[in-house]
């Protein structure tokens, strides 16, 4: 699980936090944990956006082109069995009067 924050917390009444993980369930769990902690600090989630991870065309082409060398078969299995990293982006806003 990886979390990015823009701008750094406390420097603005609005900030954006990005949660990155291969599993959607992990993203939601971390978001809920953060939302509870940030609510205590006076921040509310104002919006969220989820982008499902995708393998780039470069990886797919490389796997297909290297099939004759048997490396491509292993890469194809890896691409089919593992999930790319997805991102949940949440905008937090400080409550008025908090």
N, C-alpha and C. Protein backbone atom coordinates (compact mmCIF):
# COMPACT_ATOMS: atom_id res chain seq x y z
N UNK A 1 0.86 -1.18 0.00
CA UNK A 1 0.00 0.00 0.00
C UNK A 1 0.89 1.23 0.00
N UNK A 2 0.59 2.15 -0.88
CA UNK A 2 1.34 3.39 -0.99
C UNK A 2 0.34 4.55 -0.97
N UNK A 3 0.66 5.62 -0.21
CA UNK A 3 -0.23 6.77 -0.10
C UNK A 3 0.56 8.04 -0.41
N UNK A 4 0.01 8.87 -1.31
CA UNK A 4 0.61 10.17 -1.64
C UNK A 4 -0.35 11.26 -1.21
N UNK A 5 0.19 12.41 -0.78
CA UNK A 5 -0.64 13.55 -0.38
C UNK A 5 -0.13 14.81 -1.07
N UNK A 6 -1.06 15.60 -1.68
CA UNK A 6 -0.72 16.85 -2.35
C UNK A 6 -1.66 17.95 -1.88
N UNK A 7 -1.31 19.10 -1.55
CA UNK A 7 -0.02 19.45 -0.95
C UNK A 7 0.11 18.79 0.42
N UNK A 8 1.23 18.94 1.08
CA UNK A 8 1.38 18.32 2.41
C UNK A 8 0.28 18.76 3.36
N UNK A 9 -0.16 17.83 4.21
CA UNK A 9 -1.25 18.10 5.15
C UNK A 9 -0.95 19.32 6.02
N UNK A 10 -1.99 20.06 6.34
CA UNK A 10 -1.87 21.21 7.22
C UNK A 10 -1.54 22.50 6.52
N UNK A 11 -1.08 22.44 5.25
CA UNK A 11 -0.70 23.66 4.56
C UNK A 11 -1.85 24.26 3.76
N UNK A 12 -2.98 23.56 3.69
CA UNK A 12 -4.11 24.02 2.88
C UNK A 12 -5.41 23.45 3.44
N UNK A 13 -6.53 24.17 3.28
CA UNK A 13 -7.81 23.62 3.73
C UNK A 13 -8.32 22.50 2.81
N UNK A 14 -7.71 22.33 1.65
CA UNK A 14 -8.09 21.27 0.72
C UNK A 14 -6.82 20.50 0.35
N UNK A 15 -6.88 19.18 0.39
CA UNK A 15 -5.75 18.39 -0.10
C UNK A 15 -6.26 17.12 -0.74
N UNK A 16 -5.42 16.53 -1.56
CA UNK A 16 -5.77 15.32 -2.30
C UNK A 16 -4.85 14.20 -1.83
N UNK A 17 -5.44 13.04 -1.62
CA UNK A 17 -4.66 11.89 -1.19
C UNK A 17 -4.88 10.76 -2.18
N UNK A 18 -3.79 10.16 -2.64
CA UNK A 18 -3.86 9.04 -3.58
C UNK A 18 -3.45 7.75 -2.89
N UNK A 19 -4.29 6.74 -2.98
CA UNK A 19 -4.03 5.42 -2.41
C UNK A 19 -3.73 4.47 -3.57
N UNK A 20 -2.62 3.73 -3.48
CA UNK A 20 -2.20 2.84 -4.56
C UNK A 20 -2.05 1.42 -4.03
N UNK A 21 -2.67 0.46 -4.69
CA UNK A 21 -2.55 -0.94 -4.29
C UNK A 21 -3.02 -1.84 -5.43
N UNK A 22 -2.63 -3.09 -5.37
CA UNK A 22 -3.08 -4.07 -6.36
C UNK A 22 -4.49 -4.59 -6.04
N UNK A 23 -4.93 -4.44 -4.79
CA UNK A 23 -6.24 -4.96 -4.38
C UNK A 23 -7.18 -3.81 -4.03
N UNK A 24 -8.36 -3.80 -4.64
CA UNK A 24 -9.36 -2.77 -4.39
C UNK A 24 -9.77 -2.76 -2.92
N UNK A 25 -9.88 -3.94 -2.31
CA UNK A 25 -10.30 -4.05 -0.91
C UNK A 25 -9.32 -3.33 0.01
N UNK A 26 -8.01 -3.44 -0.27
CA UNK A 26 -7.00 -2.74 0.53
C UNK A 26 -7.15 -1.23 0.41
N UNK A 27 -7.45 -0.77 -0.80
CA UNK A 27 -7.64 0.67 -1.01
C UNK A 27 -8.80 1.19 -0.16
N UNK A 28 -9.91 0.47 -0.17
CA UNK A 28 -11.09 0.90 0.56
C UNK A 28 -10.84 0.86 2.07
N UNK A 29 -10.17 -0.18 2.55
CA UNK A 29 -9.86 -0.27 3.99
C UNK A 29 -9.00 0.90 4.43
N UNK A 30 -7.96 1.21 3.66
CA UNK A 30 -7.07 2.32 4.03
C UNK A 30 -7.81 3.65 3.95
N UNK A 31 -8.66 3.82 2.94
CA UNK A 31 -9.46 5.04 2.82
C UNK A 31 -10.36 5.22 4.04
N UNK A 32 -11.03 4.16 4.48
CA UNK A 32 -11.91 4.26 5.64
C UNK A 32 -11.12 4.59 6.91
N UNK A 33 -9.95 3.97 7.08
CA UNK A 33 -9.11 4.29 8.24
C UNK A 33 -8.71 5.77 8.23
N UNK A 34 -8.27 6.25 7.06
CA UNK A 34 -7.87 7.65 6.95
C UNK A 34 -9.04 8.59 7.15
N UNK A 35 -10.20 8.25 6.59
CA UNK A 35 -11.36 9.13 6.68
C UNK A 35 -11.76 9.34 8.14
N UNK A 36 -11.69 8.28 8.95
CA UNK A 36 -12.03 8.41 10.38
C UNK A 36 -11.01 9.30 11.09
N UNK A 37 -9.73 9.09 10.82
CA UNK A 37 -8.69 9.90 11.46
C UNK A 37 -8.77 11.36 11.02
N UNK A 38 -9.00 11.58 9.73
CA UNK A 38 -9.07 12.95 9.23
C UNK A 38 -10.35 13.66 9.66
N UNK A 39 -11.42 12.93 9.87
CA UNK A 39 -12.65 13.52 10.37
C UNK A 39 -12.42 14.11 11.76
N UNK A 40 -11.62 13.44 12.57
CA UNK A 40 -11.29 13.95 13.90
C UNK A 40 -10.46 15.23 13.82
N UNK A 41 -9.74 15.41 12.70
CA UNK A 41 -8.94 16.62 12.49
C UNK A 41 -9.73 17.71 11.77
N UNK A 42 -11.00 17.42 11.43
CA UNK A 42 -11.85 18.42 10.80
C UNK A 42 -11.94 18.33 9.30
N UNK A 43 -11.45 17.26 8.69
CA UNK A 43 -11.50 17.11 7.24
C UNK A 43 -12.59 16.12 6.83
N UNK A 44 -13.31 16.45 5.75
CA UNK A 44 -14.33 15.57 5.19
C UNK A 44 -13.93 15.17 3.78
N UNK A 45 -14.20 13.92 3.37
CA UNK A 45 -13.96 13.56 1.97
C UNK A 45 -15.00 14.25 1.09
N UNK A 46 -14.54 15.03 0.11
CA UNK A 46 -15.45 15.78 -0.75
C UNK A 46 -15.68 15.07 -2.08
N UNK A 47 -14.76 14.22 -2.48
CA UNK A 47 -14.91 13.51 -3.74
C UNK A 47 -13.88 12.41 -3.84
N UNK A 48 -14.20 11.41 -4.64
CA UNK A 48 -13.25 10.31 -4.82
C UNK A 48 -13.36 9.78 -6.25
N UNK A 49 -12.26 9.21 -6.70
CA UNK A 49 -12.20 8.68 -8.07
C UNK A 49 -11.29 7.46 -8.06
N UNK A 50 -11.77 6.35 -8.64
CA UNK A 50 -10.98 5.12 -8.70
C UNK A 50 -10.59 4.82 -10.14
N UNK A 51 -9.31 4.52 -10.34
CA UNK A 51 -8.82 4.11 -11.65
C UNK A 51 -8.25 2.71 -11.51
N UNK A 52 -8.85 1.78 -12.21
CA UNK A 52 -8.37 0.40 -12.17
C UNK A 52 -7.06 0.31 -12.92
N UNK A 53 -6.11 -0.43 -12.36
CA UNK A 53 -4.81 -0.58 -12.99
C UNK A 53 -4.88 -1.37 -14.28
N UNK A 54 -4.01 -1.05 -15.21
CA UNK A 54 -3.93 -1.74 -16.49
C UNK A 54 -2.47 -1.99 -16.82
N UNK A 55 -2.21 -3.11 -17.46
CA UNK A 55 -0.86 -3.36 -17.95
C UNK A 55 -0.66 -2.53 -19.20
N UNK A 56 0.49 -1.93 -19.33
CA UNK A 56 0.80 -1.13 -20.51
C UNK A 56 0.99 -2.02 -21.74
N UNK A 57 0.76 -1.44 -22.91
CA UNK A 57 0.89 -2.18 -24.16
C UNK A 57 2.32 -2.66 -24.36
N UNK A 58 3.29 -1.96 -23.81
CA UNK A 58 4.69 -2.37 -23.93
C UNK A 58 4.95 -3.73 -23.30
N UNK A 59 4.38 -3.96 -22.11
CA UNK A 59 4.55 -5.26 -21.45
C UNK A 59 3.90 -6.37 -22.26
N UNK A 60 2.72 -6.11 -22.79
CA UNK A 60 2.01 -7.13 -23.56
C UNK A 60 2.79 -7.46 -24.84
N UNK A 61 3.25 -6.44 -25.55
CA UNK A 61 4.03 -6.67 -26.78
C UNK A 61 5.33 -7.42 -26.48
N UNK A 62 6.00 -7.01 -25.42
CA UNK A 62 7.25 -7.68 -25.05
C UNK A 62 7.00 -9.16 -24.74
N UNK A 63 5.94 -9.44 -24.01
CA UNK A 63 5.61 -10.83 -23.67
C UNK A 63 5.31 -11.63 -24.94
N UNK A 64 4.54 -11.06 -25.85
CA UNK A 64 4.18 -11.78 -27.08
C UNK A 64 5.41 -11.99 -27.96
N UNK A 65 6.25 -10.99 -28.08
CA UNK A 65 7.43 -11.10 -28.95
C UNK A 65 8.49 -12.06 -28.40
N UNK A 66 8.51 -12.28 -27.10
CA UNK A 66 9.51 -13.17 -26.52
C UNK A 66 8.98 -14.58 -26.27
N UNK A 67 7.79 -14.89 -26.75
CA UNK A 67 7.25 -16.25 -26.61
C UNK A 67 8.17 -17.30 -27.25
N UNK A 68 8.75 -17.04 -28.43
CA UNK A 68 9.65 -18.05 -29.00
C UNK A 68 10.86 -18.36 -28.11
N UNK A 69 11.24 -17.46 -27.23
CA UNK A 69 12.39 -17.68 -26.35
C UNK A 69 11.97 -18.23 -24.98
N UNK A 70 10.71 -18.61 -24.84
CA UNK A 70 10.11 -19.16 -23.61
C UNK A 70 9.98 -18.15 -22.47
N UNK A 71 10.67 -17.05 -22.56
CA UNK A 71 10.52 -16.00 -21.54
C UNK A 71 9.13 -15.39 -21.65
N UNK A 72 8.64 -15.25 -22.86
CA UNK A 72 7.33 -14.67 -23.10
C UNK A 72 6.21 -15.46 -22.47
N UNK A 73 6.35 -16.78 -22.42
CA UNK A 73 5.32 -17.62 -21.80
C UNK A 73 5.21 -17.30 -20.32
N UNK A 74 6.37 -17.16 -19.66
CA UNK A 74 6.37 -16.80 -18.23
C UNK A 74 5.78 -15.41 -18.02
N UNK A 75 6.14 -14.48 -18.89
CA UNK A 75 5.60 -13.12 -18.78
C UNK A 75 4.09 -13.10 -19.01
N UNK A 76 3.63 -13.88 -19.96
CA UNK A 76 2.18 -13.93 -20.22
C UNK A 76 1.43 -14.46 -19.00
N UNK A 77 1.97 -15.50 -18.38
CA UNK A 77 1.34 -16.01 -17.15
C UNK A 77 1.34 -14.96 -16.06
N UNK A 78 2.45 -14.25 -15.92
CA UNK A 78 2.53 -13.20 -14.88
C UNK A 78 1.50 -12.11 -15.14
N UNK A 79 1.37 -11.69 -16.38
CA UNK A 79 0.41 -10.64 -16.72
C UNK A 79 -1.03 -11.11 -16.50
N UNK A 80 -1.28 -12.37 -16.75
CA UNK A 80 -2.63 -12.89 -16.58
C UNK A 80 -2.99 -13.14 -15.11
N UNK A 81 -2.00 -13.51 -14.30
CA UNK A 81 -2.29 -13.90 -12.92
C UNK A 81 -2.17 -12.78 -11.90
N UNK A 82 -1.42 -11.73 -12.19
CA UNK A 82 -1.27 -10.65 -11.21
C UNK A 82 -2.03 -9.41 -11.66
N UNK A 83 -2.40 -8.62 -10.68
CA UNK A 83 -3.14 -7.39 -10.97
C UNK A 83 -2.19 -6.21 -11.04
N UNK A 84 -2.44 -5.30 -11.99
CA UNK A 84 -1.67 -4.06 -11.99
C UNK A 84 -2.16 -3.15 -10.85
N UNK A 85 -1.37 -2.16 -10.52
CA UNK A 85 -1.69 -1.27 -9.39
C UNK A 85 -2.81 -0.30 -9.77
N UNK A 86 -3.86 -0.28 -8.94
CA UNK A 86 -4.97 0.66 -9.11
C UNK A 86 -4.78 1.86 -8.19
N UNK A 87 -5.52 2.94 -8.46
CA UNK A 87 -5.38 4.16 -7.68
C UNK A 87 -6.75 4.70 -7.28
N UNK A 88 -6.90 4.99 -6.00
CA UNK A 88 -8.09 5.68 -5.47
C UNK A 88 -7.63 7.07 -5.07
N UNK A 89 -8.21 8.10 -5.67
CA UNK A 89 -7.85 9.48 -5.37
C UNK A 89 -9.02 10.12 -4.63
N UNK A 90 -8.73 10.70 -3.45
CA UNK A 90 -9.78 11.30 -2.62
C UNK A 90 -9.40 12.76 -2.32
N UNK A 91 -10.37 13.66 -2.46
CA UNK A 91 -10.18 15.06 -2.11
C UNK A 91 -10.80 15.29 -0.74
N UNK A 92 -10.02 15.84 0.17
CA UNK A 92 -10.48 16.16 1.52
C UNK A 92 -10.57 17.67 1.68
N UNK A 93 -11.62 18.14 2.36
CA UNK A 93 -11.86 19.56 2.59
C UNK A 93 -12.06 19.78 4.08
N UNK A 94 -11.41 20.84 4.60
CA UNK A 94 -11.58 21.17 6.02
C UNK A 94 -12.97 21.75 6.24
N UNK A 95 -13.65 21.24 7.27
CA UNK A 95 -14.99 21.74 7.61
C UNK A 95 -14.89 23.18 8.09
N UNK A 96 -15.89 23.96 7.75
CA UNK A 96 -15.95 25.34 8.21
C UNK A 96 -16.22 25.33 9.72
N UNK A 97 -15.44 26.08 10.44
CA UNK A 97 -15.62 26.15 11.90
C UNK A 97 -14.87 25.07 12.65
N UNK A 98 -14.09 24.26 11.95
CA UNK A 98 -13.33 23.18 12.63
C UNK A 98 -11.98 23.66 13.01
